[in-house]
């Protein structure tokens, strides 16, 4: 069974060295751009753990950083798309879900405390 092709633009296979930059330019990871198009790219690296939801990507041969957001990830690859957002303004979906869950738990605890403080 084949997965449905959802790409807008055709991808071109590449083997380009690049650098992922984030955390105010204090953190970097080297990676390979395995394919790319106008609408995105696949990056390959040793481990994607610790890579944020958005970052600057600089191709070694071009030198101009581009802000990208992560669309999908596996253990060793990232699917990214260019964005106009600043890297710090994008929250990964896992973090957003966890924040929502914690907010709901906080609200439940507040209601329990209010119930405990009401006179019997």
PDB file of N, CA and C in Angstrom:
ATOM      1  N   UNK A   1       0.840  -1.167   0.000  1.00  0.00           N
ATOM      2  CA  UNK A   1       0.000   0.000   0.000  1.00  0.00           C
ATOM      3  C   UNK A   1       0.890   1.237   0.000  1.00  0.00           C
ATOM      4  N   UNK A   2       0.658   2.144  -0.916  1.00  0.00           N
ATOM      5  CA  UNK A   2       1.478   3.337  -1.044  1.00  0.00           C
ATOM      6  C   UNK A   2       0.858   4.498  -0.298  1.00  0.00           C
ATOM      7  N   UNK A   3       1.719   5.338   0.276  1.00  0.00           N
ATOM      8  CA  UNK A   3       1.233   6.547   0.925  1.00  0.00           C
ATOM      9  C   UNK A   3       0.879   7.573  -0.138  1.00  0.00           C
ATOM     10  N   UNK A   4      -0.124   8.363   0.141  1.00  0.00           N
ATOM     11  CA  UNK A   4      -0.536   9.406  -0.796  1.00  0.00           C
ATOM     12  C   UNK A   4       0.523  10.504  -0.844  1.00  0.00           C
ATOM     13  N   UNK A   5       0.888  10.908  -2.022  1.00  0.00           N
ATOM     14  CA  UNK A   5       1.865  11.984  -2.216  1.00  0.00           C
ATOM     15  C   UNK A   5       1.187  13.315  -1.921  1.00  0.00           C
ATOM     16  N   UNK A   6       1.721  14.062  -0.939  1.00  0.00           N
ATOM     17  CA  UNK A   6       1.108  15.328  -0.555  1.00  0.00           C
ATOM     18  C   UNK A   6       1.977  16.532  -0.877  1.00  0.00           C
ATOM     19  N   UNK A   7       3.111  16.333  -1.475  1.00  0.00           N
ATOM     20  CA  UNK A   7       4.002  17.449  -1.761  1.00  0.00           C
ATOM     21  C   UNK A   7       3.429  18.345  -2.843  1.00  0.00           C
ATOM     22  N   UNK A   8       3.598  19.639  -2.649  1.00  0.00           N
ATOM     23  CA  UNK A   8       3.131  20.624  -3.624  1.00  0.00           C
ATOM     24  C   UNK A   8       4.114  20.714  -4.781  1.00  0.00           C
ATOM     25  N   UNK A   9       5.392  20.738  -4.456  1.00  0.00           N
ATOM     26  CA  UNK A   9       6.451  20.876  -5.460  1.00  0.00           C
ATOM     27  C   UNK A   9       7.292  19.606  -5.508  1.00  0.00           C
ATOM     28  N   UNK A  10       7.784  19.221  -6.679  1.00  0.00           N
ATOM     29  CA  UNK A  10       8.640  18.033  -6.765  1.00  0.00           C
ATOM     30  C   UNK A  10       9.955  18.251  -6.019  1.00  0.00           C
ATOM     31  N   UNK A  11      10.426  17.190  -5.395  1.00  0.00           N
ATOM     32  CA  UNK A  11      11.688  17.253  -4.658  1.00  0.00           C
ATOM     33  C   UNK A  11      12.831  16.806  -5.550  1.00  0.00           C
ATOM     34  N   UNK A  12      13.988  17.428  -5.340  1.00  0.00           N
ATOM     35  CA  UNK A  12      15.208  17.048  -6.045  1.00  0.00           C
ATOM     36  C   UNK A  12      16.154  16.403  -5.046  1.00  0.00           C
ATOM     37  N   UNK A  13      16.694  15.234  -5.397  1.00  0.00           N
ATOM     38  CA  UNK A  13      17.653  14.575  -4.515  1.00  0.00           C
ATOM     39  C   UNK A  13      18.920  15.411  -4.431  1.00  0.00           C
ATOM     40  N   UNK A  14      19.459  15.523  -3.222  1.00  0.00           N
ATOM     41  CA  UNK A  14      20.673  16.307  -3.002  1.00  0.00           C
ATOM     42  C   UNK A  14      21.572  15.580  -2.013  1.00  0.00           C
ATOM     43  N   UNK A  15      22.752  16.091  -1.852  1.00  0.00           N
ATOM     44  CA  UNK A  15      23.690  15.629  -0.841  1.00  0.00           C
ATOM     45  C   UNK A  15      24.484  16.857  -0.420  1.00  0.00           C
ATOM     46  N   UNK A  16      23.802  17.760   0.301  1.00  0.00           N
ATOM     47  CA  UNK A  16      24.390  19.050   0.658  1.00  0.00           C
ATOM     48  C   UNK A  16      24.626  19.147   2.159  1.00  0.00           C
ATOM     49  N   UNK A  17      25.804  19.597   2.536  1.00  0.00           N
ATOM     50  CA  UNK A  17      26.089  19.838   3.935  1.00  0.00           C
ATOM     51  C   UNK A  17      25.380  21.095   4.410  1.00  0.00           C
ATOM     52  N   UNK A  18      24.874  21.043   5.642  1.00  0.00           N
ATOM     53  CA  UNK A  18      24.159  22.196   6.190  1.00  0.00           C
ATOM     54  C   UNK A  18      24.340  22.232   7.700  1.00  0.00           C
ATOM     55  N   UNK A  19      23.884  23.330   8.285  1.00  0.00           N
ATOM     56  CA  UNK A  19      23.981  23.517   9.724  1.00  0.00           C
ATOM     57  C   UNK A  19      22.644  24.013  10.258  1.00  0.00           C
ATOM     58  N   UNK A  20      22.164  23.373  11.310  1.00  0.00           N
ATOM     59  CA  UNK A  20      20.963  23.794  12.031  1.00  0.00           C
ATOM     60  C   UNK A  20      21.432  24.673  13.183  1.00  0.00           C
ATOM     61  N   UNK A  21      20.862  25.865  13.281  1.00  0.00           N
ATOM     62  CA  UNK A  21      21.283  26.830  14.301  1.00  0.00           C
ATOM     63  C   UNK A  21      20.059  27.254  15.107  1.00  0.00           C
ATOM     64  N   UNK A  22      20.184  27.261  16.440  1.00  0.00           N
ATOM     65  CA  UNK A  22      19.080  27.679  17.304  1.00  0.00           C
ATOM     66  C   UNK A  22      19.633  28.127  18.649  1.00  0.00           C
ATOM     67  N   UNK A  23      18.724  28.447  19.579  1.00  0.00           N
ATOM     68  CA  UNK A  23      19.110  28.862  20.927  1.00  0.00           C
ATOM     69  C   UNK A  23      19.979  30.110  20.896  1.00  0.00           C
ATOM     70  N   UNK A  24      19.520  31.107  20.139  1.00  0.00           N
ATOM     71  CA  UNK A  24      20.269  32.361  20.061  1.00  0.00           C
ATOM     72  C   UNK A  24      21.633  32.201  19.418  1.00  0.00           C
ATOM     73  N   UNK A  25      21.768  31.232  18.532  1.00  0.00           N
ATOM     74  CA  UNK A  25      23.008  30.914  17.819  1.00  0.00           C
ATOM     75  C   UNK A  25      24.049  30.242  18.727  1.00  0.00           C
ATOM     76  N   UNK A  26      23.636  29.790  19.922  1.00  0.00           N
ATOM     77  CA  UNK A  26      24.557  29.091  20.816  1.00  0.00           C
ATOM     78  C   UNK A  26      24.592  27.586  20.561  1.00  0.00           C
ATOM     79  N   UNK A  27      23.583  27.059  19.865  1.00  0.00           N
ATOM     80  CA  UNK A  27      23.510  25.619  19.615  1.00  0.00           C
ATOM     81  C   UNK A  27      23.468  25.351  18.114  1.00  0.00           C
ATOM     82  N   UNK A  28      24.231  24.347  17.684  1.00  0.00           N
ATOM     83  CA  UNK A  28      24.261  23.984  16.263  1.00  0.00           C
ATOM     84  C   UNK A  28      24.330  22.469  16.106  1.00  0.00           C
ATOM     85  N   UNK A  29      23.772  21.989  15.012  1.00  0.00           N
ATOM     86  CA  UNK A  29      23.893  20.591  14.601  1.00  0.00           C
ATOM     87  C   UNK A  29      24.266  20.578  13.130  1.00  0.00           C
ATOM     88  N   UNK A  30      25.178  19.700  12.749  1.00  0.00           N
ATOM     89  CA  UNK A  30      25.460  19.486  11.332  1.00  0.00           C
ATOM     90  C   UNK A  30      24.451  18.486  10.787  1.00  0.00           C
ATOM     91  N   UNK A  31      24.105  18.645   9.527  1.00  0.00           N
ATOM     92  CA  UNK A  31      23.157  17.724   8.899  1.00  0.00           C
ATOM     93  C   UNK A  31      23.420  17.674   7.402  1.00  0.00           C
ATOM     94  N   UNK A  32      22.751  16.753   6.729  1.00  0.00           N
ATOM     95  CA  UNK A  32      22.775  16.651   5.270  1.00  0.00           C
ATOM     96  C   UNK A  32      21.379  16.942   4.747  1.00  0.00           C
ATOM     97  N   UNK A  33      21.298  17.720   3.689  1.00  0.00           N
ATOM     98  CA  UNK A  33      20.030  17.934   3.002  1.00  0.00           C
ATOM     99  C   UNK A  33      19.946  16.842   1.946  1.00  0.00           C
ATOM    100  N   UNK A  34      19.017  15.900   2.143  1.00  0.00           N
ATOM    101  CA  UNK A  34      18.916  14.739   1.255  1.00  0.00           C
ATOM    102  C   UNK A  34      18.029  14.994   0.043  1.00  0.00           C
ATOM    103  N   UNK A  35      17.048  15.868   0.200  1.00  0.00           N
ATOM    104  CA  UNK A  35      16.243  16.310  -0.937  1.00  0.00           C
ATOM    105  C   UNK A  35      15.618  17.641  -0.573  1.00  0.00           C
ATOM    106  N   UNK A  36      15.260  18.407  -1.603  1.00  0.00           N
ATOM    107  CA  UNK A  36      14.649  19.702  -1.324  1.00  0.00           C
ATOM    108  C   UNK A  36      13.824  20.177  -2.505  1.00  0.00           C
ATOM    109  N   UNK A  37      12.933  21.103  -2.197  1.00  0.00           N
ATOM    110  CA  UNK A  37      12.083  21.743  -3.196  1.00  0.00           C
ATOM    111  C   UNK A  37      11.805  23.157  -2.703  1.00  0.00           C
ATOM    112  N   UNK A  38      10.968  23.874  -3.409  1.00  0.00           N
ATOM    113  CA  UNK A  38      10.594  25.213  -2.968  1.00  0.00           C
ATOM    114  C   UNK A  38       9.790  25.177  -1.675  1.00  0.00           C
ATOM    115  N   UNK A  39       9.095  24.075  -1.428  1.00  0.00           N
ATOM    116  CA  UNK A  39       8.220  24.007  -0.257  1.00  0.00           C
ATOM    117  C   UNK A  39       8.798  23.246   0.926  1.00  0.00           C
ATOM    118  N   UNK A  40      10.019  22.697   0.818  1.00  0.00           N
ATOM    119  CA  UNK A  40      10.575  21.998   1.963  1.00  0.00           C
ATOM    120  C   UNK A  40      11.786  21.165   1.629  1.00  0.00           C
ATOM    121  N   UNK A  41      12.236  20.423   2.650  1.00  0.00           N
ATOM    122  CA  UNK A  41      13.431  19.597   2.493  1.00  0.00           C
ATOM    123  C   UNK A  41      13.410  18.465   3.512  1.00  0.00           C
ATOM    124  N   UNK A  42      14.209  17.436   3.237  1.00  0.00           N
ATOM    125  CA  UNK A  42      14.458  16.370   4.196  1.00  0.00           C
ATOM    126  C   UNK A  42      15.895  16.498   4.665  1.00  0.00           C
ATOM    127  N   UNK A  43      16.068  16.604   5.972  1.00  0.00           N
ATOM    128  CA  UNK A  43      17.392  16.711   6.578  1.00  0.00           C
ATOM    129  C   UNK A  43      17.720  15.393   7.249  1.00  0.00           C
ATOM    130  N   UNK A  44      18.972  14.979   7.139  1.00  0.00           N
ATOM    131  CA  UNK A  44      19.415  13.742   7.770  1.00  0.00           C
ATOM    132  C   UNK A  44      20.528  14.070   8.750  1.00  0.00           C
ATOM    133  N   UNK A  45      20.440  13.457   9.932  1.00  0.00           N
ATOM    134  CA  UNK A  45      21.450  13.688  10.965  1.00  0.00           C
ATOM    135  C   UNK A  45      21.531  12.456  11.849  1.00  0.00           C
ATOM    136  N   UNK A  46      22.516  12.425  12.727  1.00  0.00           N
ATOM    137  CA  UNK A  46      22.696  11.266  13.587  1.00  0.00           C
ATOM    138  C   UNK A  46      21.515  11.010  14.502  1.00  0.00           C
ATOM    139  N   UNK A  47      20.920  12.067  15.036  1.00  0.00           N
ATOM    140  CA  UNK A  47      19.811  11.961  15.984  1.00  0.00           C
ATOM    141  C   UNK A  47      19.047  13.274  15.968  1.00  0.00           C
ATOM    142  N   UNK A  48      17.727  13.217  15.873  1.00  0.00           N
ATOM    143  CA  UNK A  48      16.929  14.447  15.835  1.00  0.00           C
ATOM    144  C   UNK A  48      16.496  14.906  17.223  1.00  0.00           C
ATOM    145  N   UNK A  49      16.699  14.063  18.228  1.00  0.00           N
ATOM    146  CA  UNK A  49      16.337  14.428  19.591  1.00  0.00           C
ATOM    147  C   UNK A  49      17.069  15.705  19.985  1.00  0.00           C
ATOM    148  N   UNK A  50      16.367  16.648  20.522  1.00  0.00           N
ATOM    149  CA  UNK A  50      16.978  17.911  20.916  1.00  0.00           C
ATOM    150  C   UNK A  50      16.879  18.994  19.865  1.00  0.00           C
ATOM    151  N   UNK A  51      16.385  18.643  18.691  1.00  0.00           N
ATOM    152  CA  UNK A  51      16.194  19.641  17.640  1.00  0.00           C
ATOM    153  C   UNK A  51      14.860  20.333  17.884  1.00  0.00           C
ATOM    154  N   UNK A  52      14.831  21.663  17.950  1.00  0.00           N
ATOM    155  CA  UNK A  52      13.577  22.371  18.239  1.00  0.00           C
ATOM    156  C   UNK A  52      12.600  22.342  17.064  1.00  0.00           C
ATOM    157  N   UNK A  53      11.409  22.855  17.281  1.00  0.00           N
ATOM    158  CA  UNK A  53      10.368  22.879  16.259  1.00  0.00           C
ATOM    159  C   UNK A  53      10.623  23.868  15.152  1.00  0.00           C
ATOM    160  N   UNK A  54      11.519  24.828  15.385  1.00  0.00           N
ATOM    161  CA  UNK A  54      11.895  25.806  14.355  1.00  0.00           C
ATOM    162  C   UNK A  54      13.342  26.215  14.595  1.00  0.00           C
ATOM    163  N   UNK A  55      14.037  26.529  13.521  1.00  0.00           N
ATOM    164  CA  UNK A  55      15.455  26.873  13.616  1.00  0.00           C
ATOM    165  C   UNK A  55      15.901  27.520  12.323  1.00  0.00           C
ATOM    166  N   UNK A  56      17.121  28.032  12.333  1.00  0.00           N
ATOM    167  CA  UNK A  56      17.734  28.533  11.102  1.00  0.00           C
ATOM    168  C   UNK A  56      18.505  27.390  10.459  1.00  0.00           C
ATOM    169  N   UNK A  57      18.389  27.272   9.148  1.00  0.00           N
ATOM    170  CA  UNK A  57      19.126  26.269   8.387  1.00  0.00           C
ATOM    171  C   UNK A  57      20.022  27.002   7.405  1.00  0.00           C
ATOM    172  N   UNK A  58      21.315  26.705   7.456  1.00  0.00           N
ATOM    173  CA  UNK A  58      22.270  27.329   6.545  1.00  0.00           C
ATOM    174  C   UNK A  58      22.954  26.249   5.724  1.00  0.00           C
ATOM    175  N   UNK A  59      22.780  26.306   4.412  1.00  0.00           N
ATOM    176  CA  UNK A  59      23.506  25.401   3.524  1.00  0.00           C
ATOM    177  C   UNK A  59      24.933  25.902   3.415  1.00  0.00           C
ATOM    178  N   UNK A  60      25.919  25.015   3.581  1.00  0.00           N
ATOM    179  CA  UNK A  60      27.320  25.432   3.561  1.00  0.00           C
ATOM    180  C   UNK A  60      27.691  26.152   2.274  1.00  0.00           C
ATOM    181  N   UNK A  61      27.184  25.687   1.151  1.00  0.00           N
ATOM    182  CA  UNK A  61      27.593  26.289  -0.119  1.00  0.00           C
ATOM    183  C   UNK A  61      26.895  27.617  -0.398  1.00  0.00           C
ATOM    184  N   UNK A  62      25.758  27.891   0.269  1.00  0.00           N
ATOM    185  CA  UNK A  62      25.037  29.136   0.031  1.00  0.00           C
ATOM    186  C   UNK A  62      25.299  30.180   1.108  1.00  0.00           C
ATOM    187  N   UNK A  63      25.392  29.763   2.358  1.00  0.00           N
ATOM    188  CA  UNK A  63      25.729  30.671   3.440  1.00  0.00           C
ATOM    189  C   UNK A  63      24.609  31.557   3.962  1.00  0.00           C
ATOM    190  N   UNK A  64      23.445  31.561   3.332  1.00  0.00           N
ATOM    191  CA  UNK A  64      22.342  32.400   3.783  1.00  0.00           C
ATOM    192  C   UNK A  64      21.403  31.583   4.663  1.00  0.00           C
ATOM    193  N   UNK A  65      21.219  31.989   5.929  1.00  0.00           N
ATOM    194  CA  UNK A  65      20.314  31.224   6.793  1.00  0.00           C
ATOM    195  C   UNK A  65      18.854  31.410   6.393  1.00  0.00           C
ATOM    196  N   UNK A  66      18.081  30.333   6.531  1.00  0.00           N
ATOM    197  CA  UNK A  66      16.639  30.371   6.287  1.00  0.00           C
ATOM    198  C   UNK A  66      15.948  29.782   7.506  1.00  0.00           C
ATOM    199  N   UNK A  67      14.883  30.416   7.945  1.00  0.00           N
ATOM    200  CA  UNK A  67      14.126  29.887   9.077  1.00  0.00           C
ATOM    201  C   UNK A  67      13.219  28.769   8.573  1.00  0.00           C
ATOM    202  N   UNK A  68      13.277  27.628   9.257  1.00  0.00           N
ATOM    203  CA  UNK A  68      12.469  26.464   8.897  1.00  0.00           C
ATOM    204  C   UNK A  68      11.695  25.981  10.116  1.00  0.00           C
ATOM    205  N   UNK A  69      10.552  25.366   9.850  1.00  0.00           N
ATOM    206  CA  UNK A  69       9.793  24.714  10.917  1.00  0.00           C
ATOM    207  C   UNK A  69       9.746  23.221  10.610  1.00  0.00           C
ATOM    208  N   UNK A  70       9.730  22.415  11.655  1.00  0.00           N
ATOM    209  CA  UNK A  70       9.682  20.964  11.493  1.00  0.00           C
ATOM    210  C   UNK A  70       8.249  20.551  11.184  1.00  0.00           C
ATOM    211  N   UNK A  71       8.088  19.786  10.099  1.00  0.00           N
ATOM    212  CA  UNK A  71       6.781  19.280   9.691  1.00  0.00           C
ATOM    213  C   UNK A  71       6.603  17.841  10.179  1.00  0.00           C
ATOM    214  N   UNK A  72       7.655  17.057  10.119  1.00  0.00           N
ATOM    215  CA  UNK A  72       7.647  15.689  10.618  1.00  0.00           C
ATOM    216  C   UNK A  72       9.056  15.335  11.064  1.00  0.00           C
ATOM    217  N   UNK A  73       9.162  14.308  11.881  1.00  0.00           N
ATOM    218  CA  UNK A  73      10.481  13.851  12.323  1.00  0.00           C
ATOM    219  C   UNK A  73      10.486  12.358  12.556  1.00  0.00           C
ATOM    220  N   UNK A  74      11.649  11.780  12.331  1.00  0.00           N
ATOM    221  CA  UNK A  74      11.910  10.395  12.709  1.00  0.00           C
ATOM    222  C   UNK A  74      13.179  10.442  13.557  1.00  0.00           C
ATOM    223  N   UNK A  75      13.721   9.295  13.877  1.00  0.00           N
ATOM    224  CA  UNK A  75      14.910   9.279  14.736  1.00  0.00           C
ATOM    225  C   UNK A  75      16.100   9.977  14.090  1.00  0.00           C
ATOM    226  N   UNK A  76      16.249   9.847  12.759  1.00  0.00           N
ATOM    227  CA  UNK A  76      17.436  10.400  12.094  1.00  0.00           C
ATOM    228  C   UNK A  76      17.118  11.406  10.993  1.00  0.00           C
ATOM    229  N   UNK A  77      15.840  11.701  10.767  1.00  0.00           N
ATOM    230  CA  UNK A  77      15.486  12.640   9.699  1.00  0.00           C
ATOM    231  C   UNK A  77      14.444  13.648  10.170  1.00  0.00           C
ATOM    232  N   UNK A  78      14.517  14.834   9.562  1.00  0.00           N
ATOM    233  CA  UNK A  78      13.525  15.883   9.778  1.00  0.00           C
ATOM    234  C   UNK A  78      12.961  16.299   8.434  1.00  0.00           C
ATOM    235  N   UNK A  79      11.666  16.466   8.367  1.00  0.00           N
ATOM    236  CA  UNK A  79      11.035  17.100   7.219  1.00  0.00           C
ATOM    237  C   UNK A  79      10.771  18.539   7.611  1.00  0.00           C
ATOM    238  N   UNK A  80      11.292  19.491   6.855  1.00  0.00           N
ATOM    239  CA  UNK A  80      11.150  20.899   7.218  1.00  0.00           C
ATOM    240  C   UNK A  80      10.526  21.692   6.079  1.00  0.00           C
ATOM    241  N   UNK A  81       9.936  22.814   6.452  1.00  0.00           N
ATOM    242  CA  UNK A  81       9.362  23.740   5.477  1.00  0.00           C
ATOM    243  C   UNK A  81       9.814  25.142   5.847  1.00  0.00           C
ATOM    244  N   UNK A  82      10.052  25.990   4.858  1.00  0.00           N
ATOM    245  CA  UNK A  82      10.439  27.369   5.161  1.00  0.00           C
ATOM    246  C   UNK A  82       9.275  28.115   5.806  1.00  0.00           C
ATOM    247  N   UNK A  83       9.592  29.079   6.650  1.00  0.00           N
ATOM    248  CA  UNK A  83       8.571  29.871   7.320  1.00  0.00           C
ATOM    249  C   UNK A  83       9.052  31.304   7.482  1.00  0.00           C
ATOM    250  N   UNK A  84       8.118  32.210   7.637  1.00  0.00           N
ATOM    251  CA  UNK A  84       8.457  33.607   7.900  1.00  0.00           C
ATOM    252  C   UNK A  84       8.520  33.897   9.394  1.00  0.00           C
ATOM    253  N   UNK A  85       8.137  32.913  10.204  1.00  0.00           N
ATOM    254  CA  UNK A  85       8.145  33.090  11.654  1.00  0.00           C
ATOM    255  C   UNK A  85       9.578  33.117  12.177  1.00  0.00           C
ATOM    256  N   UNK A  86       9.753  33.724  13.344  1.00  0.00           N
ATOM    257  CA  UNK A  86      11.044  33.665  14.023  1.00  0.00           C
ATOM    258  C   UNK A  86      11.114  32.328  14.751  1.00  0.00           C
ATOM    259  N   UNK A  87      12.301  31.728  14.854  1.00  0.00           N
ATOM    260  CA  UNK A  87      12.400  30.399  15.458  1.00  0.00           C
ATOM    261  C   UNK A  87      11.797  30.294  16.854  1.00  0.00           C
ATOM    262  N   UNK A  88      11.935  31.300  17.678  1.00  0.00           N
ATOM    263  CA  UNK A  88      11.429  31.230  19.047  1.00  0.00           C
ATOM    264  C   UNK A  88       9.929  31.339  19.177  1.00  0.00           C
ATOM    265  N   UNK A  89       9.215  31.671  18.105  1.00  0.00           N
ATOM    266  CA  UNK A  89       7.768  31.867  18.204  1.00  0.00           C
ATOM    267  C   UNK A  89       6.971  30.621  17.864  1.00  0.00           C
ATOM    268  N   UNK A  90       7.618  29.570  17.430  1.00  0.00           N
ATOM    269  CA  UNK A  90       6.919  28.339  17.054  1.00  0.00           C
ATOM    270  C   UNK A  90       7.042  27.326  18.187  1.00  0.00           C
ATOM    271  N   UNK A  91       5.910  26.798  18.629  1.00  0.00           N
ATOM    272  CA  UNK A  91       5.886  25.801  19.694  1.00  0.00           C
ATOM    273  C   UNK A  91       5.627  24.441  19.058  1.00  0.00           C
ATOM    274  N   UNK A  92       6.503  23.458  19.317  1.00  0.00           N
ATOM    275  CA  UNK A  92       6.262  22.121  18.768  1.00  0.00           C
ATOM    276  C   UNK A  92       4.920  21.573  19.253  1.00  0.00           C
ATOM    277  N   UNK A  93       4.252  20.788  18.431  1.00  0.00           N
ATOM    278  CA  UNK A  93       2.924  20.270  18.758  1.00  0.00           C
ATOM    279  C   UNK A  93       2.939  19.444  20.039  1.00  0.00           C
ATOM    280  N   UNK A  94       4.010  18.684  20.286  1.00  0.00           N
ATOM    281  CA  UNK A  94       4.093  17.888  21.510  1.00  0.00           C
ATOM    282  C   UNK A  94       4.092  18.796  22.733  1.00  0.00           C
ATOM    283  N   UNK A  95       4.822  19.900  22.660  1.00  0.00           N
ATOM    284  CA  UNK A  95       4.871  20.845  23.776  1.00  0.00           C
ATOM    285  C   UNK A  95       3.523  21.533  23.963  1.00  0.00           C
ATOM    286  N   UNK A  96       2.855  21.887  22.878  1.00  0.00           N
ATOM    287  CA  UNK A  96       1.541  22.529  22.979  1.00  0.00           C
ATOM    288  C   UNK A  96       0.529  21.584  23.625  1.00  0.00           C
ATOM    289  N   UNK A  97       0.565  20.318  23.252  1.00  0.00           N
ATOM    290  CA  UNK A  97      -0.349  19.338  23.859  1.00  0.00           C
ATOM    291  C   UNK A  97      -0.070  19.180  25.349  1.00  0.00           C
ATOM    292  N   UNK A  98       1.192  19.113  25.694  1.00  0.00           N
ATOM    293  CA  UNK A  98       1.562  18.963  27.112  1.00  0.00           C
ATOM    294  C   UNK A  98       1.144  20.197  27.910  1.00  0.00           C
ATOM    295  N   UNK A  99       1.321  21.397  27.351  1.00  0.00           N
ATOM    296  CA  UNK A  99       0.903  22.619  28.043  1.00  0.00           C
ATOM    297  C   UNK A  99      -0.605  22.618  28.266  1.00  0.00           C
ATOM    298  N   UNK A 100      -1.360  22.172  27.271  1.00  0.00           N
ATOM    299  CA  UNK A 100      -2.810  22.119  27.415  1.00  0.00           C
ATOM    300  C   UNK A 100      -3.207  21.127  28.500  1.00  0.00           C
ATOM    301  N   UNK A 101      -2.557  19.964  28.524  1.00  0.00           N
ATOM    302  CA  UNK A 101      -2.844  18.956  29.537  1.00  0.00           C
ATOM    303  C   UNK A 101      -2.541  19.498  30.934  1.00  0.00           C
ATOM    304  N   UNK A 102      -1.401  20.144  31.105  1.00  0.00           N
ATOM    305  CA  UNK A 102      -1.033  20.702  32.405  1.00  0.00           C
ATOM    306  C   UNK A 102      -1.998  21.800  32.832  1.00  0.00           C
ATOM    307  N   UNK A 103      -2.451  22.596  31.897  1.00  0.00           N
ATOM    308  CA  UNK A 103      -3.420  23.647  32.204  1.00  0.00           C
ATOM    309  C   UNK A 103      -4.736  23.046  32.692  1.00  0.00           C
ATOM    310  N   UNK A 104      -5.181  21.972  32.059  1.00  0.00           N
ATOM    311  CA  UNK A 104      -6.409  21.297  32.488  1.00  0.00           C
ATOM    312  C   UNK A 104      -6.238  20.692  33.881  1.00  0.00           C
ATOM    313  N   UNK A 105      -5.080  20.089  34.143  1.00  0.00           N
ATOM    314  CA  UNK A 105      -4.817  19.523  35.465  1.00  0.00           C
ATOM    315  C   UNK A 105      -4.791  20.616  36.525  1.00  0.00           C
ATOM    316  N   UNK A 106      -4.208  21.753  36.209  1.00  0.00           N
ATOM    317  CA  UNK A 106      -4.176  22.888  37.132  1.00  0.00           C
ATOM    318  C   UNK A 106      -5.592  23.343  37.469  1.00  0.00           C
ATOM    319  N   UNK A 107      -6.457  23.448  36.466  1.00  0.00           N
ATOM    320  CA  UNK A 107      -7.836  23.877  36.694  1.00  0.00           C
ATOM    321  C   UNK A 107      -8.585  22.900  37.598  1.00  0.00           C
ATOM    322  N   UNK A 108      -8.364  21.608  37.413  1.00  0.00           N
ATOM    323  CA  UNK A 108      -8.995  20.596  38.269  1.00  0.00           C
ATOM    324  C   UNK A 108      -8.528  20.764  39.706  1.00  0.00           C
ATOM    325  N   UNK A 109      -7.228  20.952  39.904  1.00  0.00           N
ATOM    326  CA  UNK A 109      -6.696  21.133  41.258  1.00  0.00           C
ATOM    327  C   UNK A 109      -7.235  22.400  41.908  1.00  0.00           C
ATOM    328  N   UNK A 110      -7.392  23.473  41.148  1.00  0.00           N
ATOM    329  CA  UNK A 110      -7.963  24.711  41.697  1.00  0.00           C
ATOM    330  C   UNK A 110      -9.394  24.487  42.174  1.00  0.00           C
ATOM    331  N   UNK A 111     -10.179  23.749  41.388  1.00  0.00           N
ATOM    332  CA  UNK A 111     -11.561  23.466  41.792  1.00  0.00           C
ATOM    333  C   UNK A 111     -11.591  22.620  43.062  1.00  0.00           C
ATOM    334  N   UNK A 112     -10.704  21.649  43.161  1.00  0.00           N
ATOM    335  CA  UNK A 112     -10.650  20.815  44.370  1.00  0.00           C
ATOM    336  C   UNK A 112     -10.297  21.650  45.593  1.00  0.00           C
ATOM    337  N   UNK A 113      -9.330  22.551  45.440  1.00  0.00           N
ATOM    338  CA  UNK A 113      -8.962  23.428  46.555  1.00  0.00           C
ATOM    339  C   UNK A 113     -10.123  24.328  46.952  1.00  0.00           C
ATOM    340  N   UNK A 114     -10.824  24.862  45.984  1.00  0.00           N
ATOM    341  CA  UNK A 114     -11.973  25.722  46.280  1.00  0.00           C
ATOM    342  C   UNK A 114     -13.045  24.927  47.024  1.00  0.00           C
ATOM    343  N   UNK A 115     -13.281  23.679  46.614  1.00  0.00           N
ATOM    344  CA  UNK A 115     -14.267  22.835  47.290  1.00  0.00           C
ATOM    345  C   UNK A 115     -13.849  22.539  48.727  1.00  0.00           C
ATOM    346  N   UNK A 116     -12.559  22.351  48.962  1.00  0.00           N
ATOM    347  CA  UNK A 116     -12.057  22.056  50.305  1.00  0.00           C
ATOM    348  C   UNK A 116     -12.188  23.266  51.223  1.00  0.00           C
ATOM    349  N   UNK A 117     -12.092  24.460  50.680  1.00  0.00           N
ATOM    350  CA  UNK A 117     -12.129  25.677  51.489  1.00  0.00           C
ATOM    351  C   UNK A 117     -13.542  26.183  51.752  1.00  0.00           C
ATOM    352  N   UNK A 118     -14.551  25.599  51.108  1.00  0.00           N
ATOM    353  CA  UNK A 118     -15.931  26.007  51.354  1.00  0.00           C
ATOM    354  C   UNK A 118     -16.390  25.442  52.694  1.00  0.00           C
ATOM    355  N   UNK A 119     -17.143  26.261  53.460  1.00  0.00           N
ATOM    356  CA  UNK A 119     -17.649  25.743  54.748  1.00  0.00           C
ATOM    357  C   UNK A 119     -18.652  24.607  54.526  1.00  0.00           C
ATOM    358  N   UNK A 120     -18.615  23.645  55.428  1.00  0.00           N
ATOM    359  CA  UNK A 120     -19.472  22.462  55.286  1.00  0.00           C
ATOM    360  C   UNK A 120     -20.890  22.704  55.679  1.00  0.00           C
TER     361      UNK A 120
END
